[in-house]
N, C-alpha and C. Protein backbone atom coordinates (compact mmCIF):
# COMPACT_ATOMS: atom_id res chain seq x y z
N MET A 1 -3.87 20.97 14.44
CA MET A 1 -5.09 20.80 15.22
C MET A 1 -5.67 19.41 14.95
N PRO A 2 -5.89 18.58 15.99
CA PRO A 2 -6.37 17.22 15.79
C PRO A 2 -7.68 17.14 15.01
N GLY A 3 -8.57 18.12 15.15
CA GLY A 3 -9.83 18.09 14.45
C GLY A 3 -9.69 18.20 12.94
N ASN A 4 -8.53 18.65 12.47
CA ASN A 4 -8.30 18.79 11.04
C ASN A 4 -7.46 17.65 10.47
N MET A 5 -7.11 16.70 11.29
CA MET A 5 -6.27 15.59 10.85
C MET A 5 -7.12 14.49 10.21
N PRO A 6 -6.60 13.87 9.15
CA PRO A 6 -7.32 12.72 8.57
C PRO A 6 -7.41 11.59 9.58
N MET A 7 -8.47 10.81 9.46
CA MET A 7 -8.69 9.66 10.32
C MET A 7 -8.39 8.38 9.55
N LEU A 8 -7.81 7.42 10.22
CA LEU A 8 -7.58 6.10 9.63
C LEU A 8 -8.72 5.19 10.05
N LEU A 9 -9.49 4.73 9.07
CA LEU A 9 -10.66 3.90 9.33
C LEU A 9 -10.51 2.56 8.64
N PRO A 10 -11.13 1.52 9.18
CA PRO A 10 -11.15 0.25 8.45
C PRO A 10 -11.89 0.42 7.13
N MET A 11 -11.38 -0.21 6.10
CA MET A 11 -12.08 -0.19 4.81
C MET A 11 -13.33 -1.04 4.96
N ALA A 12 -14.45 -0.42 4.74
CA ALA A 12 -15.73 -1.12 4.85
C ALA A 12 -16.43 -1.06 3.50
N VAL A 13 -17.39 -1.94 3.33
CA VAL A 13 -18.12 -2.02 2.07
C VAL A 13 -18.73 -0.66 1.72
N GLN A 14 -19.14 0.11 2.74
CA GLN A 14 -19.75 1.42 2.48
C GLN A 14 -18.77 2.39 1.82
N LEU A 15 -17.47 2.16 1.97
CA LEU A 15 -16.46 3.05 1.39
C LEU A 15 -16.01 2.61 -0.01
N LEU A 16 -16.50 1.46 -0.47
CA LEU A 16 -15.97 0.91 -1.72
C LEU A 16 -16.29 1.75 -2.95
N ASP A 17 -17.40 2.46 -2.97
CA ASP A 17 -17.66 3.33 -4.12
C ASP A 17 -16.58 4.41 -4.22
N ALA A 18 -16.23 5.01 -3.09
CA ALA A 18 -15.17 6.03 -3.09
C ALA A 18 -13.81 5.41 -3.40
N VAL A 19 -13.54 4.23 -2.85
CA VAL A 19 -12.28 3.52 -3.15
C VAL A 19 -12.18 3.26 -4.64
N MET A 20 -13.25 2.75 -5.23
CA MET A 20 -13.23 2.44 -6.66
C MET A 20 -13.07 3.70 -7.51
N GLY A 21 -13.65 4.81 -7.07
CA GLY A 21 -13.49 6.06 -7.79
C GLY A 21 -12.03 6.47 -7.87
N ILE A 22 -11.33 6.36 -6.74
CA ILE A 22 -9.90 6.69 -6.72
C ILE A 22 -9.11 5.67 -7.53
N GLU A 23 -9.41 4.41 -7.34
CA GLU A 23 -8.68 3.34 -8.04
C GLU A 23 -8.76 3.52 -9.55
N MET A 24 -9.94 3.88 -10.04
CA MET A 24 -10.14 4.05 -11.48
C MET A 24 -9.38 5.28 -12.01
N ARG A 25 -9.30 6.33 -11.20
CA ARG A 25 -8.57 7.53 -11.61
C ARG A 25 -7.06 7.35 -11.50
N ALA A 26 -6.62 6.53 -10.56
CA ALA A 26 -5.19 6.43 -10.26
C ALA A 26 -4.45 5.45 -11.17
N TYR A 27 -5.13 4.46 -11.72
CA TYR A 27 -4.44 3.38 -12.43
C TYR A 27 -5.06 3.08 -13.78
N ALA A 28 -4.20 2.77 -14.72
CA ALA A 28 -4.66 2.29 -16.03
C ALA A 28 -5.23 0.87 -15.90
N PHE A 29 -4.73 0.12 -14.91
CA PHE A 29 -5.18 -1.25 -14.67
C PHE A 29 -5.55 -1.39 -13.19
N PRO A 30 -6.73 -0.87 -12.83
CA PRO A 30 -7.14 -0.84 -11.42
C PRO A 30 -7.55 -2.22 -10.90
N TRP A 31 -7.51 -2.33 -9.58
CA TRP A 31 -8.11 -3.48 -8.94
C TRP A 31 -9.61 -3.44 -9.22
N SER A 32 -10.23 -4.60 -9.18
CA SER A 32 -11.69 -4.66 -9.32
C SER A 32 -12.33 -4.50 -7.93
N ARG A 33 -13.59 -4.19 -7.94
CA ARG A 33 -14.34 -4.12 -6.68
C ARG A 33 -14.24 -5.46 -5.96
N ALA A 34 -14.30 -6.55 -6.71
CA ALA A 34 -14.19 -7.89 -6.11
C ALA A 34 -12.86 -8.10 -5.40
N ASN A 35 -11.78 -7.51 -5.92
CA ASN A 35 -10.48 -7.61 -5.24
C ASN A 35 -10.57 -7.01 -3.84
N PHE A 36 -11.22 -5.86 -3.73
CA PHE A 36 -11.35 -5.21 -2.42
C PHE A 36 -12.30 -5.99 -1.52
N VAL A 37 -13.42 -6.44 -2.06
CA VAL A 37 -14.37 -7.22 -1.27
C VAL A 37 -13.68 -8.49 -0.75
N ASP A 38 -12.95 -9.17 -1.61
CA ASP A 38 -12.23 -10.38 -1.19
C ASP A 38 -11.21 -10.08 -0.10
N SER A 39 -10.51 -8.96 -0.22
CA SER A 39 -9.51 -8.59 0.78
C SER A 39 -10.15 -8.32 2.13
N ILE A 40 -11.28 -7.62 2.12
CA ILE A 40 -12.00 -7.36 3.37
C ILE A 40 -12.50 -8.67 3.96
N ALA A 41 -13.10 -9.52 3.12
CA ALA A 41 -13.65 -10.80 3.59
C ALA A 41 -12.55 -11.72 4.14
N ALA A 42 -11.35 -11.64 3.55
CA ALA A 42 -10.24 -12.48 3.99
C ALA A 42 -9.62 -11.98 5.30
N GLY A 43 -10.03 -10.79 5.73
CA GLY A 43 -9.49 -10.25 6.98
C GLY A 43 -8.17 -9.53 6.80
N HIS A 44 -7.81 -9.18 5.57
CA HIS A 44 -6.58 -8.42 5.36
C HIS A 44 -6.71 -7.07 6.05
N LEU A 45 -5.58 -6.49 6.36
CA LEU A 45 -5.57 -5.14 6.91
C LEU A 45 -5.92 -4.19 5.77
N ALA A 46 -7.09 -3.64 5.79
CA ALA A 46 -7.57 -2.74 4.75
C ALA A 46 -8.01 -1.46 5.44
N GLN A 47 -7.33 -0.36 5.12
CA GLN A 47 -7.55 0.89 5.82
C GLN A 47 -7.75 2.05 4.86
N CYS A 48 -8.53 3.01 5.31
CA CYS A 48 -8.81 4.21 4.53
C CYS A 48 -8.41 5.43 5.35
N LEU A 49 -7.77 6.37 4.69
CA LEU A 49 -7.45 7.65 5.29
C LEU A 49 -8.50 8.64 4.82
N VAL A 50 -9.29 9.15 5.77
CA VAL A 50 -10.47 9.97 5.46
C VAL A 50 -10.31 11.35 6.08
N ALA A 51 -10.56 12.37 5.28
CA ALA A 51 -10.50 13.75 5.75
C ALA A 51 -11.65 14.01 6.73
N PRO A 52 -11.52 15.04 7.58
CA PRO A 52 -12.60 15.36 8.52
C PRO A 52 -13.95 15.61 7.84
N ASP A 53 -13.93 16.07 6.57
CA ASP A 53 -15.19 16.30 5.87
C ASP A 53 -15.75 15.04 5.23
N GLY A 54 -15.08 13.89 5.44
CA GLY A 54 -15.55 12.61 4.93
C GLY A 54 -14.97 12.21 3.59
N GLU A 55 -14.17 13.07 2.98
CA GLU A 55 -13.56 12.72 1.68
C GLU A 55 -12.49 11.65 1.87
N LEU A 56 -12.55 10.63 1.04
CA LEU A 56 -11.53 9.59 1.05
C LEU A 56 -10.27 10.14 0.38
N LEU A 57 -9.16 10.09 1.09
CA LEU A 57 -7.89 10.62 0.60
C LEU A 57 -6.98 9.53 0.05
N ALA A 58 -6.97 8.38 0.75
CA ALA A 58 -6.02 7.32 0.41
C ALA A 58 -6.45 6.04 1.10
N TYR A 59 -5.85 4.93 0.67
CA TYR A 59 -6.14 3.64 1.29
C TYR A 59 -4.97 2.69 1.07
N GLN A 60 -4.99 1.63 1.87
CA GLN A 60 -3.99 0.58 1.70
C GLN A 60 -4.59 -0.76 2.10
N VAL A 61 -4.04 -1.80 1.49
CA VAL A 61 -4.43 -3.17 1.80
C VAL A 61 -3.15 -3.97 1.99
N ALA A 62 -3.06 -4.69 3.09
CA ALA A 62 -1.88 -5.52 3.36
C ALA A 62 -2.34 -6.86 3.92
N MET A 63 -1.54 -7.87 3.64
CA MET A 63 -1.87 -9.24 4.03
C MET A 63 -0.79 -9.76 4.99
N ALA A 64 -1.24 -10.34 6.07
CA ALA A 64 -0.32 -10.94 7.03
C ALA A 64 0.09 -12.32 6.55
N GLY A 65 1.33 -12.66 6.80
CA GLY A 65 1.84 -14.00 6.56
C GLY A 65 2.55 -14.47 7.81
N PHE A 66 3.31 -15.52 7.69
CA PHE A 66 4.08 -16.02 8.83
C PHE A 66 5.30 -15.13 9.03
N GLU A 67 5.28 -14.34 10.11
CA GLU A 67 6.37 -13.43 10.45
C GLU A 67 6.67 -12.41 9.35
N GLU A 68 5.65 -12.09 8.54
CA GLU A 68 5.83 -11.10 7.48
C GLU A 68 4.49 -10.49 7.11
N TRP A 69 4.57 -9.36 6.41
CA TRP A 69 3.41 -8.70 5.84
C TRP A 69 3.72 -8.44 4.38
N HIS A 70 2.65 -8.35 3.58
CA HIS A 70 2.79 -8.08 2.15
C HIS A 70 1.84 -6.94 1.81
N LEU A 71 2.41 -5.82 1.38
CA LEU A 71 1.60 -4.69 0.94
C LEU A 71 1.03 -5.02 -0.43
N LEU A 72 -0.28 -5.03 -0.53
CA LEU A 72 -0.95 -5.38 -1.78
C LEU A 72 -1.35 -4.15 -2.58
N ASN A 73 -1.72 -3.08 -1.89
CA ASN A 73 -2.20 -1.88 -2.58
C ASN A 73 -2.05 -0.70 -1.64
N VAL A 74 -1.45 0.35 -2.12
CA VAL A 74 -1.47 1.64 -1.42
C VAL A 74 -1.71 2.69 -2.49
N THR A 75 -2.75 3.48 -2.30
CA THR A 75 -3.15 4.44 -3.32
C THR A 75 -3.61 5.73 -2.67
N VAL A 76 -3.14 6.83 -3.24
CA VAL A 76 -3.56 8.16 -2.82
C VAL A 76 -4.38 8.76 -3.96
N SER A 77 -5.47 9.40 -3.61
CA SER A 77 -6.29 10.08 -4.61
C SER A 77 -5.40 11.01 -5.43
N PRO A 78 -5.51 10.96 -6.76
CA PRO A 78 -4.68 11.86 -7.58
C PRO A 78 -4.77 13.32 -7.15
N ALA A 79 -5.92 13.76 -6.64
CA ALA A 79 -6.09 15.15 -6.20
C ALA A 79 -5.29 15.47 -4.94
N HIS A 80 -4.81 14.44 -4.24
CA HIS A 80 -4.12 14.67 -2.97
C HIS A 80 -2.70 14.11 -2.96
N GLN A 81 -2.18 13.73 -4.11
CA GLN A 81 -0.82 13.20 -4.17
C GLN A 81 0.19 14.30 -3.89
N GLY A 82 1.35 13.88 -3.41
CA GLY A 82 2.42 14.83 -3.12
C GLY A 82 2.30 15.51 -1.77
N ARG A 83 1.41 15.04 -0.93
CA ARG A 83 1.20 15.65 0.40
C ARG A 83 1.70 14.76 1.53
N GLY A 84 2.36 13.65 1.20
CA GLY A 84 2.89 12.76 2.23
C GLY A 84 1.90 11.75 2.76
N LEU A 85 0.76 11.59 2.11
CA LEU A 85 -0.26 10.67 2.62
C LEU A 85 0.18 9.22 2.48
N ALA A 86 0.83 8.85 1.38
CA ALA A 86 1.32 7.47 1.23
C ALA A 86 2.38 7.19 2.29
N THR A 87 3.24 8.15 2.53
CA THR A 87 4.26 7.98 3.58
C THR A 87 3.59 7.76 4.92
N GLN A 88 2.56 8.54 5.21
CA GLN A 88 1.84 8.39 6.47
C GLN A 88 1.23 7.00 6.60
N LEU A 89 0.57 6.54 5.54
CA LEU A 89 -0.02 5.20 5.57
C LEU A 89 1.05 4.13 5.75
N LEU A 90 2.14 4.25 5.03
CA LEU A 90 3.20 3.24 5.11
C LEU A 90 3.86 3.23 6.49
N HIS A 91 4.05 4.39 7.10
CA HIS A 91 4.60 4.42 8.46
C HIS A 91 3.67 3.69 9.42
N ARG A 92 2.37 3.88 9.25
CA ARG A 92 1.41 3.19 10.12
C ARG A 92 1.44 1.68 9.87
N LEU A 93 1.56 1.28 8.61
CA LEU A 93 1.65 -0.14 8.30
C LEU A 93 2.92 -0.75 8.89
N ILE A 94 4.02 -0.05 8.74
CA ILE A 94 5.30 -0.55 9.28
C ILE A 94 5.19 -0.71 10.79
N ALA A 95 4.63 0.27 11.47
CA ALA A 95 4.46 0.18 12.93
C ALA A 95 3.55 -0.98 13.29
N HIS A 96 2.46 -1.14 12.55
CA HIS A 96 1.54 -2.25 12.81
C HIS A 96 2.25 -3.59 12.61
N ALA A 97 2.96 -3.73 11.51
CA ALA A 97 3.65 -4.99 11.22
C ALA A 97 4.70 -5.29 12.29
N ARG A 98 5.45 -4.28 12.69
CA ARG A 98 6.43 -4.48 13.77
C ARG A 98 5.73 -4.92 15.05
N GLY A 99 4.57 -4.33 15.31
CA GLY A 99 3.81 -4.67 16.51
C GLY A 99 3.33 -6.11 16.54
N THR A 100 3.23 -6.73 15.38
CA THR A 100 2.82 -8.13 15.33
C THR A 100 4.02 -9.08 15.40
N GLY A 101 5.23 -8.50 15.48
CA GLY A 101 6.43 -9.33 15.54
C GLY A 101 6.95 -9.77 14.19
N ALA A 102 6.41 -9.21 13.13
CA ALA A 102 6.86 -9.60 11.79
C ALA A 102 8.31 -9.18 11.56
N GLU A 103 8.98 -9.94 10.72
CA GLU A 103 10.37 -9.65 10.38
C GLU A 103 10.51 -8.87 9.09
N TRP A 104 9.55 -9.03 8.18
CA TRP A 104 9.69 -8.44 6.85
C TRP A 104 8.38 -7.83 6.39
N LEU A 105 8.49 -6.78 5.58
CA LEU A 105 7.36 -6.23 4.84
C LEU A 105 7.75 -6.29 3.36
N TRP A 106 6.93 -6.93 2.56
CA TRP A 106 7.21 -7.16 1.13
C TRP A 106 6.25 -6.35 0.28
N LEU A 107 6.66 -6.06 -0.94
CA LEU A 107 5.77 -5.45 -1.93
C LEU A 107 6.34 -5.64 -3.32
N GLU A 108 5.47 -5.42 -4.31
CA GLU A 108 5.89 -5.37 -5.70
C GLU A 108 5.60 -3.97 -6.22
N VAL A 109 6.44 -3.51 -7.13
CA VAL A 109 6.25 -2.19 -7.74
C VAL A 109 6.69 -2.26 -9.20
N ARG A 110 5.99 -1.50 -10.03
CA ARG A 110 6.39 -1.41 -11.44
C ARG A 110 7.74 -0.69 -11.54
N PRO A 111 8.66 -1.19 -12.35
CA PRO A 111 9.91 -0.45 -12.57
C PRO A 111 9.65 0.97 -13.09
N SER A 112 8.57 1.15 -13.85
CA SER A 112 8.25 2.46 -14.42
C SER A 112 7.65 3.43 -13.40
N ASN A 113 7.29 2.96 -12.20
CA ASN A 113 6.68 3.82 -11.19
C ASN A 113 7.79 4.45 -10.33
N LEU A 114 8.46 5.44 -10.90
CA LEU A 114 9.62 6.03 -10.25
C LEU A 114 9.26 6.75 -8.95
N ARG A 115 8.11 7.37 -8.91
CA ARG A 115 7.69 8.08 -7.69
C ARG A 115 7.55 7.10 -6.52
N ALA A 116 6.88 5.98 -6.76
CA ALA A 116 6.72 4.98 -5.70
C ALA A 116 8.06 4.37 -5.33
N ARG A 117 8.88 4.10 -6.33
CA ARG A 117 10.20 3.51 -6.04
C ARG A 117 11.04 4.43 -5.16
N ARG A 118 10.99 5.73 -5.42
CA ARG A 118 11.73 6.70 -4.57
C ARG A 118 11.19 6.68 -3.14
N LEU A 119 9.88 6.63 -3.00
CA LEU A 119 9.29 6.57 -1.67
C LEU A 119 9.73 5.32 -0.93
N TYR A 120 9.64 4.18 -1.58
CA TYR A 120 10.02 2.93 -0.93
C TYR A 120 11.50 2.92 -0.56
N ALA A 121 12.35 3.43 -1.43
CA ALA A 121 13.79 3.51 -1.11
C ALA A 121 14.01 4.42 0.09
N HIS A 122 13.30 5.54 0.13
CA HIS A 122 13.41 6.48 1.26
C HIS A 122 13.02 5.81 2.57
N LEU A 123 12.06 4.90 2.52
CA LEU A 123 11.60 4.20 3.72
C LEU A 123 12.49 3.02 4.08
N GLY A 124 13.46 2.69 3.23
CA GLY A 124 14.40 1.62 3.55
C GLY A 124 14.14 0.30 2.86
N PHE A 125 13.19 0.25 1.95
CA PHE A 125 12.95 -0.99 1.21
C PHE A 125 14.14 -1.26 0.29
N GLU A 126 14.47 -2.52 0.14
CA GLU A 126 15.57 -2.90 -0.75
C GLU A 126 15.06 -3.87 -1.81
N PRO A 127 15.58 -3.75 -3.04
CA PRO A 127 15.17 -4.69 -4.10
C PRO A 127 15.79 -6.05 -3.85
N VAL A 128 14.98 -7.08 -4.02
CA VAL A 128 15.49 -8.45 -3.80
C VAL A 128 15.16 -9.39 -4.94
N GLY A 129 14.40 -8.94 -5.93
CA GLY A 129 14.07 -9.84 -7.03
C GLY A 129 13.16 -9.18 -8.04
N VAL A 130 12.83 -9.96 -9.05
CA VAL A 130 11.96 -9.51 -10.14
C VAL A 130 10.93 -10.60 -10.40
N ARG A 131 9.68 -10.19 -10.55
CA ARG A 131 8.63 -11.11 -11.02
C ARG A 131 8.39 -10.76 -12.47
N ARG A 132 8.73 -11.67 -13.34
CA ARG A 132 8.62 -11.43 -14.78
C ARG A 132 7.16 -11.36 -15.22
N ASP A 133 6.87 -10.41 -16.09
CA ASP A 133 5.54 -10.28 -16.71
C ASP A 133 4.41 -10.22 -15.68
N TYR A 134 4.61 -9.49 -14.64
CA TYR A 134 3.67 -9.45 -13.52
C TYR A 134 2.47 -8.53 -13.77
N TYR A 135 2.72 -7.36 -14.34
CA TYR A 135 1.67 -6.35 -14.53
C TYR A 135 1.30 -6.24 -16.00
N PRO A 136 0.01 -5.98 -16.30
CA PRO A 136 -0.36 -5.64 -17.68
C PRO A 136 0.17 -4.24 -18.00
N ASP A 137 0.43 -3.98 -19.28
CA ASP A 137 0.85 -2.63 -19.65
C ASP A 137 -0.02 -2.09 -20.78
N ALA A 138 0.18 -0.84 -21.11
CA ALA A 138 -0.67 -0.14 -22.07
C ALA A 138 -0.52 -0.66 -23.49
N ARG A 139 0.56 -1.37 -23.79
CA ARG A 139 0.78 -1.89 -25.14
C ARG A 139 0.17 -3.28 -25.33
N GLY A 140 -0.55 -3.75 -24.31
CA GLY A 140 -1.13 -5.09 -24.39
C GLY A 140 -0.12 -6.17 -24.05
N GLN A 141 1.00 -5.77 -23.49
CA GLN A 141 2.03 -6.73 -23.09
C GLN A 141 2.08 -6.78 -21.57
N ARG A 142 3.20 -7.19 -21.02
CA ARG A 142 3.34 -7.30 -19.58
C ARG A 142 4.59 -6.55 -19.13
N GLU A 143 4.53 -6.02 -17.91
CA GLU A 143 5.67 -5.35 -17.30
C GLU A 143 6.10 -6.15 -16.09
N ASP A 144 7.40 -6.26 -15.91
CA ASP A 144 7.93 -6.94 -14.73
C ASP A 144 7.55 -6.18 -13.46
N ALA A 145 7.69 -6.84 -12.33
CA ALA A 145 7.55 -6.20 -11.03
C ALA A 145 8.87 -6.33 -10.29
N LEU A 146 9.28 -5.26 -9.66
CA LEU A 146 10.41 -5.34 -8.75
C LEU A 146 9.88 -5.78 -7.40
N VAL A 147 10.51 -6.76 -6.80
CA VAL A 147 10.14 -7.23 -5.47
C VAL A 147 11.03 -6.51 -4.47
N LEU A 148 10.40 -5.84 -3.52
CA LEU A 148 11.13 -5.10 -2.50
C LEU A 148 10.77 -5.64 -1.13
N ARG A 149 11.71 -5.50 -0.20
CA ARG A 149 11.42 -5.90 1.18
C ARG A 149 12.03 -4.88 2.14
N LEU A 150 11.41 -4.80 3.29
CA LEU A 150 11.89 -3.95 4.37
C LEU A 150 12.08 -4.83 5.59
N ALA A 151 13.28 -4.79 6.15
CA ALA A 151 13.55 -5.51 7.40
C ALA A 151 12.87 -4.75 8.53
N LEU A 152 12.05 -5.44 9.29
CA LEU A 152 11.29 -4.80 10.38
C LEU A 152 11.96 -4.92 11.73
N LYS A 153 12.87 -5.84 11.84
CA LYS A 153 13.58 -6.04 13.10
C LYS A 153 15.02 -5.63 12.89
N SER A 154 15.51 -4.82 13.80
CA SER A 154 16.91 -4.42 13.72
C SER A 154 17.79 -5.62 14.03
N PRO A 155 18.89 -5.79 13.28
CA PRO A 155 19.78 -6.91 13.57
C PRO A 155 20.41 -6.73 14.96
N VAL A 156 20.60 -7.84 15.64
CA VAL A 156 21.22 -7.83 16.94
C VAL A 156 22.74 -7.77 16.74
N VAL A 157 23.36 -6.79 17.34
CA VAL A 157 24.81 -6.63 17.21
C VAL A 157 25.46 -7.25 18.43
N ALA A 158 26.37 -8.20 18.17
CA ALA A 158 27.07 -8.86 19.28
C ALA A 158 28.04 -7.87 19.92
N ALA A 159 28.14 -7.96 21.25
CA ALA A 159 29.03 -7.04 21.98
C ALA A 159 30.45 -7.54 21.98
């Protein structure tokens, strides 16, 4: 029933308290409020998935580049994980990026984030590199990031 479906809304300053609540619960090293404010001010694609009752379920932030997009943050509320919401957001981002004529969608992911890595592999992302010491970790050190990309345009096959 459409009335029970989550709505995709632009991330607005009014939603940042709810965004920060999820961000703080979801990550040991969350983005700051300023990171979200800067993303909105820069005109990045920042979207929130909101339940019909107004509860924030998930959000994503992506940045456009020249013929490419870069996923900066995709987060599902811990209370709603495992329901396909990240997949739903990513499908919408992929469709949006394709609609702009982009060739690639890029992202970084922690090697230790096996759940996210499985999702990205399922969607067709491929590993293409490593950013050394990219993320802070719980031991006060740094964790590498795997760089993944998704081809958005199907290769042209010669006849």
